PDB file of N, CA and C in Angstrom:
ATOM      1  N   MET A   1      83.711 167.430 113.890  1.00  0.00           N
ATOM      2  CA  MET A   1      85.296 167.440 113.789  1.00  0.00           C
ATOM      3  C   MET A   1      85.581 168.723 114.503  1.00  0.00           C
ATOM      4  N   THR A   2      86.082 168.799 115.823  1.00  0.00           N
ATOM      5  CA  THR A   2      86.647 170.832 115.477  1.00  0.00           C
ATOM      6  C   THR A   2      88.303 170.156 115.549  1.00  0.00           C
ATOM      7  N   ILE A   3      89.192 171.082 115.809  1.00  0.00           N
ATOM      8  CA  ILE A   3      90.507 171.503 115.511  1.00  0.00           C
ATOM      9  C   ILE A   3      90.489 172.466 116.887  1.00  0.00           C
ATOM     10  N   LYS A   4      91.512 171.986 117.709  1.00  0.00           N
ATOM     11  CA  LYS A   4      91.895 172.128 118.951  1.00  0.00           C
ATOM     12  C   LYS A   4      93.419 172.150 118.633  1.00  0.00           C
ATOM     13  N   PRO A   5      93.691 173.889 118.627  1.00  0.00           N
ATOM     14  CA  PRO A   5      95.564 174.111 118.622  1.00  0.00           C
ATOM     15  C   PRO A   5      96.236 174.092 119.679  1.00  0.00           C
ATOM     16  N   LEU A   6      97.395 173.801 119.533  1.00  0.00           N
ATOM     17  CA  LEU A   6      98.048 173.492 120.369  1.00  0.00           C
ATOM     18  C   LEU A   6      99.224 174.756 120.300  1.00  0.00           C
ATOM     19  N   GLN A   7     100.017 174.804 121.628  1.00  0.00           N
ATOM     20  CA  GLN A   7     100.748 176.022 122.437  1.00  0.00           C
ATOM     21  C   GLN A   7     100.266 177.337 121.545  1.00  0.00           C
ATOM     22  N   ASP A   8     101.126 177.975 121.103  1.00  0.00           N
ATOM     23  CA  ASP A   8     101.016 179.171 120.485  1.00  0.00           C
ATOM     24  C   ASP A   8     100.225 179.222 119.371  1.00  0.00           C
ATOM     25  N   ARG A   9      99.272 178.139 118.832  1.00  0.00           N
ATOM     26  CA  ARG A   9      99.193 178.774 117.209  1.00  0.00           C
ATOM     27  C   ARG A   9      97.188 178.955 117.670  1.00  0.00           C
ATOM     28  N   VAL A  10      97.010 179.483 116.393  1.00  0.00           N
ATOM     29  CA  VAL A  10      95.684 180.071 116.303  1.00  0.00           C
ATOM     30  C   VAL A  10      95.115 179.406 115.077  1.00  0.00           C
ATOM     31  N   VAL A  11      93.562 178.881 115.085  1.00  0.00           N
ATOM     32  CA  VAL A  11      92.552 178.656 113.463  1.00  0.00           C
ATOM     33  C   VAL A  11      91.697 180.040 113.455  1.00  0.00           C
ATOM     34  N   VAL A  12      92.089 179.889 112.267  1.00  0.00           N
ATOM     35  CA  VAL A  12      92.084 180.951 111.713  1.00  0.00           C
ATOM     36  C   VAL A  12      90.656 180.572 110.443  1.00  0.00           C
ATOM     37  N   LYS A  13      89.946 181.255 110.061  1.00  0.00           N
ATOM     38  CA  LYS A  13      89.247 181.340 109.166  1.00  0.00           C
ATOM     39  C   LYS A  13      89.198 181.977 107.743  1.00  0.00           C
ATOM     40  N   MET A  14      89.896 182.359 106.578  1.00  0.00           N
ATOM     41  CA  MET A  14      89.908 183.748 105.747  1.00  0.00           C
ATOM     42  C   MET A  14      88.664 183.774 105.455  1.00  0.00           C
ATOM     43  N   THR A  15      88.274 185.807 105.461  1.00  0.00           N
ATOM     44  CA  THR A  15      87.246 186.072 105.166  1.00  0.00           C
ATOM     45  C   THR A  15      87.150 186.163 103.459  1.00  0.00           C
ATOM     46  N   GLU A  16      85.911 186.312 103.052  1.00  0.00           N
ATOM     47  CA  GLU A  16      86.119 186.233 101.115  1.00  0.00           C
ATOM     48  C   GLU A  16      86.453 187.710 101.332  1.00  0.00           C
ATOM     49  N   ALA A  17      87.387 187.705  99.656  1.00  0.00           N
ATOM     50  CA  ALA A  17      87.529 188.490  98.910  1.00  0.00           C
ATOM     51  C   ALA A  17      86.961 189.626  98.431  1.00  0.00           C
ATOM     52  N   GLU A  18      87.089 190.438  98.645  1.00  0.00           N
ATOM     53  CA  GLU A  18      85.742 191.589  97.751  1.00  0.00           C
ATOM     54  C   GLU A  18      85.984 191.330  96.273  1.00  0.00           C
ATOM     55  N   GLU A  19      84.441 191.228  95.672  1.00  0.00           N
ATOM     56  CA  GLU A  19      84.103 191.308  94.303  1.00  0.00           C
ATOM     57  C   GLU A  19      84.460 192.688  93.203  1.00  0.00           C
ATOM     58  N   THR A  20      84.169 193.483  93.974  1.00  0.00           N
ATOM     59  CA  THR A  20      84.546 194.804  93.524  1.00  0.00           C
ATOM     60  C   THR A  20      84.823 195.783  94.030  1.00  0.00           C
ATOM     61  N   THR A  21      85.792 196.827  93.406  1.00  0.00           N
ATOM     62  CA  THR A  21      86.910 197.723  93.958  1.00  0.00           C
ATOM     63  C   THR A  21      86.070 198.748  94.729  1.00  0.00           C
ATOM     64  N   GLN A  22      85.834 200.012  95.245  1.00  0.00           N
ATOM     65  CA  GLN A  22      85.531 201.480  95.874  1.00  0.00           C
ATOM     66  C   GLN A  22      85.143 201.766  94.511  1.00  0.00           C
ATOM     67  N   SER A  23      85.649 201.569  93.252  1.00  0.00           N
ATOM     68  CA  SER A  23      85.117 202.265  92.249  1.00  0.00           C
ATOM     69  C   SER A  23      83.878 201.364  91.515  1.00  0.00           C
ATOM     70  N   GLY A  24      83.876 200.470  91.966  1.00  0.00           N
ATOM     71  CA  GLY A  24      82.885 199.701  91.414  1.00  0.00           C
ATOM     72  C   GLY A  24      83.272 199.239  90.307  1.00  0.00           C
ATOM     73  N   ILE A  25      84.579 199.167  90.083  1.00  0.00           N
ATOM     74  CA  ILE A  25      85.383 198.144  89.115  1.00  0.00           C
ATOM     75  C   ILE A  25      84.738 196.487  89.387  1.00  0.00           C
ATOM     76  N   ILE A  26      84.555 195.811  88.789  1.00  0.00           N
ATOM     77  CA  ILE A  26      83.715 193.805  89.247  1.00  0.00           C
ATOM     78  C   ILE A  26      85.135 193.558  88.923  1.00  0.00           C
ATOM     79  N   LEU A  27      85.918 192.224  89.786  1.00  0.00           N
ATOM     80  CA  LEU A  27      87.184 191.529  89.598  1.00  0.00           C
ATOM     81  C   LEU A  27      86.633 190.430  89.197  1.00  0.00           C
ATOM     82  N   THR A  28      87.514 189.640  87.972  1.00  0.00           N
ATOM     83  CA  THR A  28      87.562 188.877  87.784  1.00  0.00           C
ATOM     84  C   THR A  28      87.983 188.050  88.908  1.00  0.00           C
ATOM     85  N   GLY A  29      88.092 186.391  89.145  1.00  0.00           N
ATOM     86  CA  GLY A  29      88.384 185.622  89.574  1.00  0.00           C
ATOM     87  C   GLY A  29      90.481 185.611  90.158  1.00  0.00           C
ATOM     88  N   SER A  30      91.168 185.676  88.529  1.00  0.00           N
ATOM     89  CA  SER A  30      92.505 185.930  88.829  1.00  0.00           C
ATOM     90  C   SER A  30      92.812 187.011  89.562  1.00  0.00           C
ATOM     91  N   ALA A  31      91.758 188.313  89.224  1.00  0.00           N
ATOM     92  CA  ALA A  31      92.849 189.380  89.544  1.00  0.00           C
ATOM     93  C   ALA A  31      92.194 190.019  90.472  1.00  0.00           C
ATOM     94  N   LYS A  32      91.604 188.612  91.732  1.00  0.00           N
ATOM     95  CA  LYS A  32      91.755 189.018  93.075  1.00  0.00           C
ATOM     96  C   LYS A  32      92.921 188.432  94.096  1.00  0.00           C
ATOM     97  N   GLU A  33      93.105 189.286  94.743  1.00  0.00           N
ATOM     98  CA  GLU A  33      94.447 189.805  95.495  1.00  0.00           C
ATOM     99  C   GLU A  33      93.799 187.954  96.715  1.00  0.00           C
ATOM    100  N   LYS A  34      94.865 187.288  97.128  1.00  0.00           N
ATOM    101  CA  LYS A  34      94.317 186.775  98.473  1.00  0.00           C
ATOM    102  C   LYS A  34      94.336 187.525 100.244  1.00  0.00           C
ATOM    103  N   PRO A  35      93.017 187.253 100.093  1.00  0.00           N
ATOM    104  CA  PRO A  35      92.592 188.090 101.895  1.00  0.00           C
ATOM    105  C   PRO A  35      93.538 187.588 102.370  1.00  0.00           C
ATOM    106  N   GLU A  36      93.904 189.253 103.377  1.00  0.00           N
ATOM    107  CA  GLU A  36      94.946 188.780 104.600  1.00  0.00           C
ATOM    108  C   GLU A  36      93.995 189.073 106.070  1.00  0.00           C
ATOM    109  N   ILE A  37      92.435 188.963 105.799  1.00  0.00           N
ATOM    110  CA  ILE A  37      91.983 189.676 107.034  1.00  0.00           C
ATOM    111  C   ILE A  37      91.271 187.985 107.040  1.00  0.00           C
ATOM    112  N   ALA A  38      91.012 187.594 108.715  1.00  0.00           N
ATOM    113  CA  ALA A  38      90.709 186.325 108.804  1.00  0.00           C
ATOM    114  C   ALA A  38      90.163 185.957 110.425  1.00  0.00           C
ATOM    115  N   GLU A  39      88.715 184.846 110.112  1.00  0.00           N
ATOM    116  CA  GLU A  39      88.288 185.451 112.188  1.00  0.00           C
ATOM    117  C   GLU A  39      89.090 184.379 112.584  1.00  0.00           C
ATOM    118  N   VAL A  40      89.148 184.075 113.842  1.00  0.00           N
ATOM    119  CA  VAL A  40      89.747 183.334 114.823  1.00  0.00           C
ATOM    120  C   VAL A  40      88.668 182.653 115.375  1.00  0.00           C
ATOM    121  N   LEU A  41      89.097 181.712 115.293  1.00  0.00           N
ATOM    122  CA  LEU A  41      87.636 180.435 115.535  1.00  0.00           C
ATOM    123  C   LEU A  41      88.870 179.400 116.886  1.00  0.00           C
ATOM    124  N   GLU A  42      89.606 179.355 116.774  1.00  0.00           N
ATOM    125  CA  GLU A  42      90.103 179.029 117.851  1.00  0.00           C
ATOM    126  C   GLU A  42      91.115 178.760 118.876  1.00  0.00           C
ATOM    127  N   VAL A  43      91.868 179.061 119.540  1.00  0.00           N
ATOM    128  CA  VAL A  43      93.271 179.791 120.573  1.00  0.00           C
ATOM    129  C   VAL A  43      93.992 178.960 121.193  1.00  0.00           C
ATOM    130  N   GLY A  44      95.209 178.660 120.840  1.00  0.00           N
ATOM    131  CA  GLY A  44      95.774 177.678 121.911  1.00  0.00           C
ATOM    132  C   GLY A  44      96.325 177.930 123.129  1.00  0.00           C
ATOM    133  N   PRO A  45      96.693 177.003 124.206  1.00  0.00           N
ATOM    134  CA  PRO A  45      96.665 178.298 125.615  1.00  0.00           C
ATOM    135  C   PRO A  45      98.059 178.713 125.353  1.00  0.00           C
ATOM    136  N   GLY A  46      99.001 178.689 124.709  1.00  0.00           N
ATOM    137  CA  GLY A  46     100.319 179.882 124.177  1.00  0.00           C
ATOM    138  C   GLY A  46     101.137 178.953 125.118  1.00  0.00           C
ATOM    139  N   LYS A  47     102.401 179.499 125.143  1.00  0.00           N
ATOM    140  CA  LYS A  47     103.416 178.925 125.711  1.00  0.00           C
ATOM    141  C   LYS A  47     103.996 179.842 127.023  1.00  0.00           C
ATOM    142  N   ALA A  48     104.826 179.494 127.288  1.00  0.00           N
ATOM    143  CA  ALA A  48     105.238 179.954 128.383  1.00  0.00           C
ATOM    144  C   ALA A  48     106.098 181.418 128.170  1.00  0.00           C
ATOM    145  N   ASP A  49     106.945 182.028 126.842  1.00  0.00           N
ATOM    146  CA  ASP A  49     107.120 182.861 126.563  1.00  0.00           C
ATOM    147  C   ASP A  49     106.560 184.158 125.376  1.00  0.00           C
ATOM    148  N   VAL A  50     105.429 183.287 125.176  1.00  0.00           N
ATOM    149  CA  VAL A  50     104.506 183.915 124.290  1.00  0.00           C
ATOM    150  C   VAL A  50     102.686 184.159 124.973  1.00  0.00           C
ATOM    151  N   THR A  51     102.627 185.422 124.729  1.00  0.00           N
ATOM    152  CA  THR A  51     101.217 185.937 124.967  1.00  0.00           C
ATOM    153  C   THR A  51     100.270 185.701 124.363  1.00  0.00           C
ATOM    154  N   MET A  52      98.767 185.391 124.520  1.00  0.00           N
ATOM    155  CA  MET A  52      97.983 184.947 123.077  1.00  0.00           C
ATOM    156  C   MET A  52      96.778 186.472 123.710  1.00  0.00           C
ATOM    157  N   GLY A  53      97.192 187.318 122.253  1.00  0.00           N
ATOM    158  CA  GLY A  53      97.155 188.363 122.196  1.00  0.00           C
ATOM    159  C   GLY A  53      95.644 188.480 121.404  1.00  0.00           C
ATOM    160  N   VAL A  54      95.078 187.551 121.083  1.00  0.00           N
ATOM    161  CA  VAL A  54      93.484 187.161 120.346  1.00  0.00           C
ATOM    162  C   VAL A  54      92.541 186.690 120.799  1.00  0.00           C
ATOM    163  N   GLU A  55      91.413 186.428 120.397  1.00  0.00           N
ATOM    164  CA  GLU A  55      90.091 185.533 121.327  1.00  0.00           C
ATOM    165  C   GLU A  55      89.339 185.630 119.963  1.00  0.00           C
ATOM    166  N   LYS A  56      89.128 184.235 120.653  1.00  0.00           N
ATOM    167  CA  LYS A  56      87.975 183.339 119.750  1.00  0.00           C
ATOM    168  C   LYS A  56      86.894 184.573 118.810  1.00  0.00           C
ATOM    169  N   GLY A  57      86.766 184.802 117.918  1.00  0.00           N
ATOM    170  CA  GLY A  57      85.494 185.715 117.459  1.00  0.00           C
ATOM    171  C   GLY A  57      86.316 187.125 116.369  1.00  0.00           C
ATOM    172  N   ASP A  58      87.712 187.153 116.990  1.00  0.00           N
ATOM    173  CA  ASP A  58      88.623 188.536 116.821  1.00  0.00           C
ATOM    174  C   ASP A  58      88.773 188.523 115.159  1.00  0.00           C
ATOM    175  N   LYS A  59      88.949 189.721 114.593  1.00  0.00           N
ATOM    176  CA  LYS A  59      88.967 189.810 112.791  1.00  0.00           C
ATOM    177  C   LYS A  59      90.758 190.012 113.101  1.00  0.00           C
ATOM    178  N   VAL A  60      91.275 189.420 112.484  1.00  0.00           N
ATOM    179  CA  VAL A  60      92.875 189.225 112.387  1.00  0.00           C
ATOM    180  C   VAL A  60      93.632 189.811 111.178  1.00  0.00           C
ATOM    181  N   LEU A  61      94.657 190.586 111.259  1.00  0.00           N
ATOM    182  CA  LEU A  61      95.295 190.744 109.443  1.00  0.00           C
ATOM    183  C   LEU A  61      96.469 189.313 109.990  1.00  0.00           C
ATOM    184  N   ILE A  62      96.640 189.031 109.188  1.00  0.00           N
ATOM    185  CA  ILE A  62      97.772 187.492 109.541  1.00  0.00           C
ATOM    186  C   ILE A  62      98.944 188.024 107.755  1.00  0.00           C
ATOM    187  N   SER A  63     100.008 187.550 107.900  1.00  0.00           N
ATOM    188  CA  SER A  63     100.811 187.734 106.922  1.00  0.00           C
ATOM    189  C   SER A  63     100.537 186.870 105.636  1.00  0.00           C
ATOM    190  N   LYS A  64     100.403 187.381 104.757  1.00  0.00           N
ATOM    191  CA  LYS A  64     100.233 186.687 103.266  1.00  0.00           C
ATOM    192  C   LYS A  64     100.375 185.225 103.027  1.00  0.00           C
ATOM    193  N   TYR A  65     101.660 184.123 103.376  1.00  0.00           N
ATOM    194  CA  TYR A  65     101.650 183.287 103.325  1.00  0.00           C
ATOM    195  C   TYR A  65     102.025 182.316 104.233  1.00  0.00           C
ATOM    196  N   ALA A  66     101.300 182.932 105.515  1.00  0.00           N
ATOM    197  CA  ALA A  66     101.242 182.364 107.290  1.00  0.00           C
ATOM    198  C   ALA A  66     100.554 181.165 107.057  1.00  0.00           C
ATOM    199  N   GLY A  67     101.335 180.253 107.632  1.00  0.00           N
ATOM    200  CA  GLY A  67     100.525 179.317 108.672  1.00  0.00           C
ATOM    201  C   GLY A  67     100.321 178.134 107.286  1.00  0.00           C
ATOM    202  N   THR A  68      99.811 176.947 107.617  1.00  0.00           N
ATOM    203  CA  THR A  68      99.079 175.865 107.289  1.00  0.00           C
ATOM    204  C   THR A  68      98.304 175.452 106.780  1.00  0.00           C
ATOM    205  N   THR A  69      97.169 175.294 105.905  1.00  0.00           N
ATOM    206  CA  THR A  69      96.179 175.568 104.716  1.00  0.00           C
ATOM    207  C   THR A  69      95.680 173.853 105.451  1.00  0.00           C
ATOM    208  N   VAL A  70      94.611 173.698 106.468  1.00  0.00           N
ATOM    209  CA  VAL A  70      93.588 172.392 106.180  1.00  0.00           C
ATOM    210  C   VAL A  70      92.839 172.327 105.762  1.00  0.00           C
ATOM    211  N   LYS A  71      91.921 171.403 105.020  1.00  0.00           N
ATOM    212  CA  LYS A  71      90.560 171.533 104.872  1.00  0.00           C
ATOM    213  C   LYS A  71      90.071 169.770 105.452  1.00  0.00           C
ATOM    214  N   LEU A  72      88.853 170.061 106.204  1.00  0.00           N
ATOM    215  CA  LEU A  72      88.249 169.617 107.257  1.00  0.00           C
ATOM    216  C   LEU A  72      86.342 169.695 107.155  1.00  0.00           C
ATOM    217  N   GLU A  73      86.206 168.390 106.345  1.00  0.00           N
ATOM    218  CA  GLU A  73      84.650 168.586 106.206  1.00  0.00           C
ATOM    219  C   GLU A  73      84.137 169.549 105.168  1.00  0.00           C
ATOM    220  N   GLY A  74      85.072 169.534 103.787  1.00  0.00           N
ATOM    221  CA  GLY A  74      84.939 170.364 102.594  1.00  0.00           C
ATOM    222  C   GLY A  74      85.067 172.547 103.404  1.00  0.00           C
ATOM    223  N   VAL A  75      85.259 172.210 104.336  1.00  0.00           N
ATOM    224  CA  VAL A  75      85.741 173.974 104.961  1.00  0.00           C
ATOM    225  C   VAL A  75      87.058 173.999 104.861  1.00  0.00           C
ATOM    226  N   GLU A  76      87.913 175.426 104.288  1.00  0.00           N
ATOM    227  CA  GLU A  76      89.745 175.874 104.438  1.00  0.00           C
ATOM    228  C   GLU A  76      89.524 176.237 105.760  1.00  0.00           C
ATOM    229  N   TYR A  77      90.093 175.829 106.615  1.00  0.00           N
ATOM    230  CA  TYR A  77      91.029 176.461 107.567  1.00  0.00           C
ATOM    231  C   TYR A  77      92.922 176.392 107.702  1.00  0.00           C
ATOM    232  N   ILE A  78      93.146 178.124 108.313  1.00  0.00           N
ATOM    233  CA  ILE A  78      94.659 177.928 108.202  1.00  0.00           C
ATOM    234  C   ILE A  78      95.180 178.041 109.479  1.00  0.00           C
ATOM    235  N   ILE A  79      95.858 177.121 110.128  1.00  0.00           N
ATOM    236  CA  ILE A  79      96.849 176.798 111.601  1.00  0.00           C
ATOM    237  C   ILE A  79      98.126 178.107 111.504  1.00  0.00           C
ATOM    238  N   VAL A  80      97.834 179.345 112.096  1.00  0.00           N
ATOM    239  CA  VAL A  80      99.471 179.891 112.286  1.00  0.00           C
ATOM    240  C   VAL A  80      99.960 179.849 114.091  1.00  0.00           C
ATOM    241  N   LYS A  81     101.035 180.754 113.797  1.00  0.00           N
ATOM    242  CA  LYS A  81     101.584 180.985 114.902  1.00  0.00           C
ATOM    243  C   LYS A  81     100.791 182.657 115.377  1.00  0.00           C
ATOM    244  N   MET A  82     100.830 182.508 116.846  1.00  0.00           N
ATOM    245  CA  MET A  82     100.551 184.037 117.370  1.00  0.00           C
ATOM    246  C   MET A  82     101.669 184.939 116.591  1.00  0.00           C
ATOM    247  N   ASP A  83     103.120 184.674 116.482  1.00  0.00           N
ATOM    248  CA  ASP A  83     103.952 185.370 115.107  1.00  0.00           C
ATOM    249  C   ASP A  83     103.165 185.879 114.515  1.00  0.00           C
ATOM    250  N   ASP A  84     102.308 185.395 113.265  1.00  0.00           N
ATOM    251  CA  ASP A  84     102.554 185.130 112.136  1.00  0.00           C
ATOM    252  C   ASP A  84     101.129 186.792 112.265  1.00  0.00           C
ATOM    253  N   ILE A  85     100.232 186.610 113.789  1.00  0.00           N
ATOM    254  CA  ILE A  85      99.526 187.528 113.361  1.00  0.00           C
ATOM    255  C   ILE A  85     100.019 188.874 113.650  1.00  0.00           C
ATOM    256  N   LEU A  86      99.587 189.454 112.788  1.00  0.00           N
ATOM    257  CA  LEU A  86      99.876 191.334 112.829  1.00  0.00           C
ATOM    258  C   LEU A  86      99.104 191.937 113.447  1.00  0.00           C
ATOM    259  N   ALA A  87      97.449 192.378 112.869  1.00  0.00           N
ATOM    260  CA  ALA A  87      97.163 193.036 114.028  1.00  0.00           C
ATOM    261  C   ALA A  87      95.333 192.582 114.225  1.00  0.00           C
ATOM    262  N   VAL A  88      95.071 193.112 115.136  1.00  0.00           N
ATOM    263  CA  VAL A  88      93.590 192.810 115.764  1.00  0.00           C
ATOM    264  C   VAL A  88      92.734 193.711 114.416  1.00  0.00           C
ATOM    265  N   VAL A  89      91.783 193.262 113.248  1.00  0.00           N
ATOM    266  CA  VAL A  89      90.569 194.377 112.985  1.00  0.00           C
ATOM    267  C   VAL A  89      89.604 194.884 113.576  1.00  0.00           C
ATOM    268  N   LYS A  90      89.936 196.263 114.104  1.00  0.00           N
ATOM    269  CA  LYS A  90      88.053 196.396 114.163  1.00  0.00           C
ATOM    270  C   LYS A  90      87.026 197.234 113.844  1.00  0.00           C
TER     271      LYS A  90
END
């Protein structure tokens, strides 16, 4: 089963949070922040007034509490609007 987004929506999958800080401190599950970098899996066709600025495979920075979480076949995806994508991470 696949997810095909409509209009100006994008299907993303969050990347795993870092388990250690740059200084080497190991974080417990409750100390980790929600990751904000995601990988684009599918991109909708867009709307007349919205340009789709991302492509499948891009790493993007999204708003912290954006989108709708969907669990499909045991995998968690987030469907966000193009407006909720803040930047492409290179």
